Amino acid sequence: MLKKLLIVAGLVGATALVVKKVKASSDERALWHEATTAPDLR
């Protein structure tokens, strides 16, 4: 039982790290896109 709980906790932790990395990458890509596109001066 304890072994299963540790495995589940490890998977949840790994998933949280992956989600955090993907979100950070997406946020950085959006920031670069905003910084490098021409301003809309209409």
PDB file of N, CA and C in Angstrom:
ATOM      1  N   MET A   1       0.823  -1.199   0.000  1.00  0.00           N
ATOM      2  CA  MET A   1       0.000   0.000   0.000  1.00  0.00           C
ATOM      3  C   MET A   1       0.873   1.272   0.000  1.00  0.00           C
ATOM      4  N   LEU A   2       1.865   1.290   0.853  1.00  0.00           N
ATOM      5  CA  LEU A   2       2.743   2.464   0.936  1.00  0.00           C
ATOM      6  C   LEU A   2       3.525   2.655  -0.364  1.00  0.00           C
ATOM      7  N   LYS A   3       3.918   1.547  -0.980  1.00  0.00           N
ATOM      8  CA  LYS A   3       4.664   1.619  -2.231  1.00  0.00           C
ATOM      9  C   LYS A   3       3.809   2.260  -3.322  1.00  0.00           C
ATOM     10  N   LYS A   4       2.527   1.888  -3.390  1.00  0.00           N
ATOM     11  CA  LYS A   4       1.613   2.475  -4.381  1.00  0.00           C
ATOM     12  C   LYS A   4       1.433   3.968  -4.131  1.00  0.00           C
ATOM     13  N   LEU A   5       1.324   4.330  -2.872  1.00  0.00           N
ATOM     14  CA  LEU A   5       1.151   5.747  -2.518  1.00  0.00           C
ATOM     15  C   LEU A   5       2.373   6.560  -2.928  1.00  0.00           C
ATOM     16  N   LEU A   6       3.563   6.011  -2.710  1.00  0.00           N
ATOM     17  CA  LEU A   6       4.790   6.710  -3.110  1.00  0.00           C
ATOM     18  C   LEU A   6       4.880   6.834  -4.630  1.00  0.00           C
ATOM     19  N   ILE A   7       4.469   5.798  -5.344  1.00  0.00           N
ATOM     20  CA  ILE A   7       4.492   5.856  -6.810  1.00  0.00           C
ATOM     21  C   ILE A   7       3.531   6.920  -7.312  1.00  0.00           C
ATOM     22  N   VAL A   8       2.333   6.952  -6.748  1.00  0.00           N
ATOM     23  CA  VAL A   8       1.340   7.951  -7.160  1.00  0.00           C
ATOM     24  C   VAL A   8       1.846   9.355  -6.831  1.00  0.00           C
ATOM     25  N   ALA A   9       2.420   9.532  -5.656  1.00  0.00           N
ATOM     26  CA  ALA A   9       2.953  10.847  -5.272  1.00  0.00           C
ATOM     27  C   ALA A   9       4.078  11.268  -6.219  1.00  0.00           C
ATOM     28  N   GLY A  10       4.923  10.335  -6.608  1.00  0.00           N
ATOM     29  CA  GLY A  10       6.001  10.638  -7.551  1.00  0.00           C
ATOM     30  C   GLY A  10       5.464  11.039  -8.908  1.00  0.00           C
ATOM     31  N   LEU A  11       4.439  10.319  -9.372  1.00  0.00           N
ATOM     32  CA  LEU A  11       3.838  10.666 -10.670  1.00  0.00           C
ATOM     33  C   LEU A  11       3.180  12.034 -10.632  1.00  0.00           C
ATOM     34  N   VAL A  12       2.496  12.335  -9.538  1.00  0.00           N
ATOM     35  CA  VAL A  12       1.855  13.654  -9.410  1.00  0.00           C
ATOM     36  C   VAL A  12       2.912  14.757  -9.390  1.00  0.00           C
ATOM     37  N   GLY A  13       3.990  14.532  -8.671  1.00  0.00           N
ATOM     38  CA  GLY A  13       5.073  15.514  -8.619  1.00  0.00           C
ATOM     39  C   GLY A  13       5.712  15.727  -9.981  1.00  0.00           C
ATOM     40  N   ALA A  14       5.974  14.640 -10.700  1.00  0.00           N
ATOM     41  CA  ALA A  14       6.576  14.746 -12.030  1.00  0.00           C
ATOM     42  C   ALA A  14       5.638  15.468 -12.986  1.00  0.00           C
ATOM     43  N   THR A  15       4.358  15.154 -12.919  1.00  0.00           N
ATOM     44  CA  THR A  15       3.376  15.819 -13.771  1.00  0.00           C
ATOM     45  C   THR A  15       3.322  17.310 -13.473  1.00  0.00           C
ATOM     46  N   ALA A  16       3.373  17.670 -12.203  1.00  0.00           N
ATOM     47  CA  ALA A  16       3.348  19.086 -11.826  1.00  0.00           C
ATOM     48  C   ALA A  16       4.569  19.815 -12.389  1.00  0.00           C
ATOM     49  N   LEU A  17       5.734  19.176 -12.349  1.00  0.00           N
ATOM     50  CA  LEU A  17       6.940  19.806 -12.895  1.00  0.00           C
ATOM     51  C   LEU A  17       6.828  20.002 -14.400  1.00  0.00           C
ATOM     52  N   VAL A  18       6.300  19.003 -15.096  1.00  0.00           N
ATOM     53  CA  VAL A  18       6.150  19.113 -16.552  1.00  0.00           C
ATOM     54  C   VAL A  18       5.174  20.233 -16.898  1.00  0.00           C
ATOM     55  N   VAL A  19       4.053  20.304 -16.186  1.00  0.00           N
ATOM     56  CA  VAL A  19       3.059  21.353 -16.451  1.00  0.00           C
ATOM     57  C   VAL A  19       3.670  22.727 -16.195  1.00  0.00           C
ATOM     58  N   LYS A  20       4.445  22.847 -15.136  1.00  0.00           N
ATOM     59  CA  LYS A  20       5.094  24.126 -14.813  1.00  0.00           C
ATOM     60  C   LYS A  20       6.072  24.537 -15.916  1.00  0.00           C
ATOM     61  N   LYS A  21       6.867  23.571 -16.414  1.00  0.00           N
ATOM     62  CA  LYS A  21       7.822  23.869 -17.496  1.00  0.00           C
ATOM     63  C   LYS A  21       7.098  24.294 -18.764  1.00  0.00           C
ATOM     64  N   VAL A  22       6.025  23.592 -19.120  1.00  0.00           N
ATOM     65  CA  VAL A  22       5.285  23.909 -20.340  1.00  0.00           C
ATOM     66  C   VAL A  22       4.661  25.292 -20.234  1.00  0.00           C
ATOM     67  N   LYS A  23       4.095  25.623 -19.072  1.00  0.00           N
ATOM     68  CA  LYS A  23       3.482  26.934 -18.886  1.00  0.00           C
ATOM     69  C   LYS A  23       4.538  28.037 -18.967  1.00  0.00           C
ATOM     70  N   ALA A  24       5.684  27.824 -18.354  1.00  0.00           N
ATOM     71  CA  ALA A  24       6.758  28.823 -18.399  1.00  0.00           C
ATOM     72  C   ALA A  24       7.237  29.021 -19.830  1.00  0.00           C
ATOM     73  N   SER A  25       7.362  27.943 -20.572  1.00  0.00           N
ATOM     74  CA  SER A  25       7.792  28.038 -21.966  1.00  0.00           C
ATOM     75  C   SER A  25       6.768  28.800 -22.799  1.00  0.00           C
ATOM     76  N   SER A  26       5.510  28.509 -22.567  1.00  0.00           N
ATOM     77  CA  SER A  26       4.441  29.184 -23.299  1.00  0.00           C
ATOM     78  C   SER A  26       4.407  30.676 -22.962  1.00  0.00           C
ATOM     79  N   ASP A  27       4.548  30.994 -21.682  1.00  0.00           N
ATOM     80  CA  ASP A  27       4.552  32.400 -21.266  1.00  0.00           C
ATOM     81  C   ASP A  27       5.731  33.151 -21.883  1.00  0.00           C
ATOM     82  N   GLU A  28       6.904  32.518 -21.905  1.00  0.00           N
ATOM     83  CA  GLU A  28       8.074  33.171 -22.485  1.00  0.00           C
ATOM     84  C   GLU A  28       7.900  33.374 -23.986  1.00  0.00           C
ATOM     85  N   ARG A  29       7.331  32.385 -24.668  1.00  0.00           N
ATOM     86  CA  ARG A  29       7.093  32.502 -26.109  1.00  0.00           C
ATOM     87  C   ARG A  29       6.111  33.634 -26.391  1.00  0.00           C
ATOM     88  N   ALA A  30       5.072  33.757 -25.578  1.00  0.00           N
ATOM     89  CA  ALA A  30       4.098  34.840 -25.761  1.00  0.00           C
ATOM     90  C   ALA A  30       4.750  36.201 -25.520  1.00  0.00           C
ATOM     91  N   LEU A  31       5.620  36.276 -24.526  1.00  0.00           N
ATOM     92  CA  LEU A  31       6.304  37.533 -24.235  1.00  0.00           C
ATOM     93  C   LEU A  31       7.219  37.931 -25.388  1.00  0.00           C
ATOM     94  N   TRP A  32       7.972  36.975 -25.938  1.00  0.00           N
ATOM     95  CA  TRP A  32       8.837  37.272 -27.074  1.00  0.00           C
ATOM     96  C   TRP A  32       8.020  37.686 -28.292  1.00  0.00           C
ATOM     97  N   HIS A  33       6.892  37.042 -28.487  1.00  0.00           N
ATOM     98  CA  HIS A  33       6.039  37.405 -29.618  1.00  0.00           C
ATOM     99  C   HIS A  33       5.561  38.848 -29.477  1.00  0.00           C
ATOM    100  N   GLU A  34       5.140  39.195 -28.266  1.00  0.00           N
ATOM    101  CA  GLU A  34       4.669  40.558 -28.020  1.00  0.00           C
ATOM    102  C   GLU A  34       5.801  41.568 -28.193  1.00  0.00           C
ATOM    103  N   ALA A  35       7.004  41.205 -27.764  1.00  0.00           N
ATOM    104  CA  ALA A  35       8.138  42.141 -27.811  1.00  0.00           C
ATOM    105  C   ALA A  35       8.673  42.324 -29.229  1.00  0.00           C
ATOM    106  N   THR A  36       8.480  41.328 -30.090  1.00  0.00           N
ATOM    107  CA  THR A  36       9.094  41.395 -31.423  1.00  0.00           C
ATOM    108  C   THR A  36       8.120  41.726 -32.534  1.00  0.00           C
ATOM    109  N   THR A  37       6.846  41.839 -32.247  1.00  0.00           N
ATOM    110  CA  THR A  37       5.890  42.209 -33.300  1.00  0.00           C
ATOM    111  C   THR A  37       5.771  43.727 -33.364  1.00  0.00           C
ATOM    112  N   ALA A  38       5.448  44.215 -34.516  1.00  0.00           N
ATOM    113  CA  ALA A  38       5.303  45.651 -34.704  1.00  0.00           C
ATOM    114  C   ALA A  38       4.062  46.133 -33.936  1.00  0.00           C
ATOM    115  N   PRO A  39       4.151  47.293 -33.336  1.00  0.00           N
ATOM    116  CA  PRO A  39       2.985  47.817 -32.597  1.00  0.00           C
ATOM    117  C   PRO A  39       1.858  48.191 -33.567  1.00  0.00           C
ATOM    118  N   ASP A  40       0.660  48.065 -33.074  1.00  0.00           N
ATOM    119  CA  ASP A  40      -0.524  48.410 -33.880  1.00  0.00           C
ATOM    120  C   ASP A  40      -0.834  49.881 -33.625  1.00  0.00           C
ATOM    121  N   LEU A  41      -0.478  50.743 -34.577  1.00  0.00           N
ATOM    122  CA  LEU A  41      -0.610  52.181 -34.375  1.00  0.00           C
ATOM    123  C   LEU A  41      -1.800  52.773 -35.140  1.00  0.00           C
ATOM    124  N   ARG A  42      -2.877  52.039 -35.184  1.00  0.00           N
ATOM    125  CA  ARG A  42      -4.072  52.551 -35.883  1.00  0.00           C
ATOM    126  C   ARG A  42      -4.791  53.592 -35.099  1.00  0.00           C
TER     127      ARG A  42
END
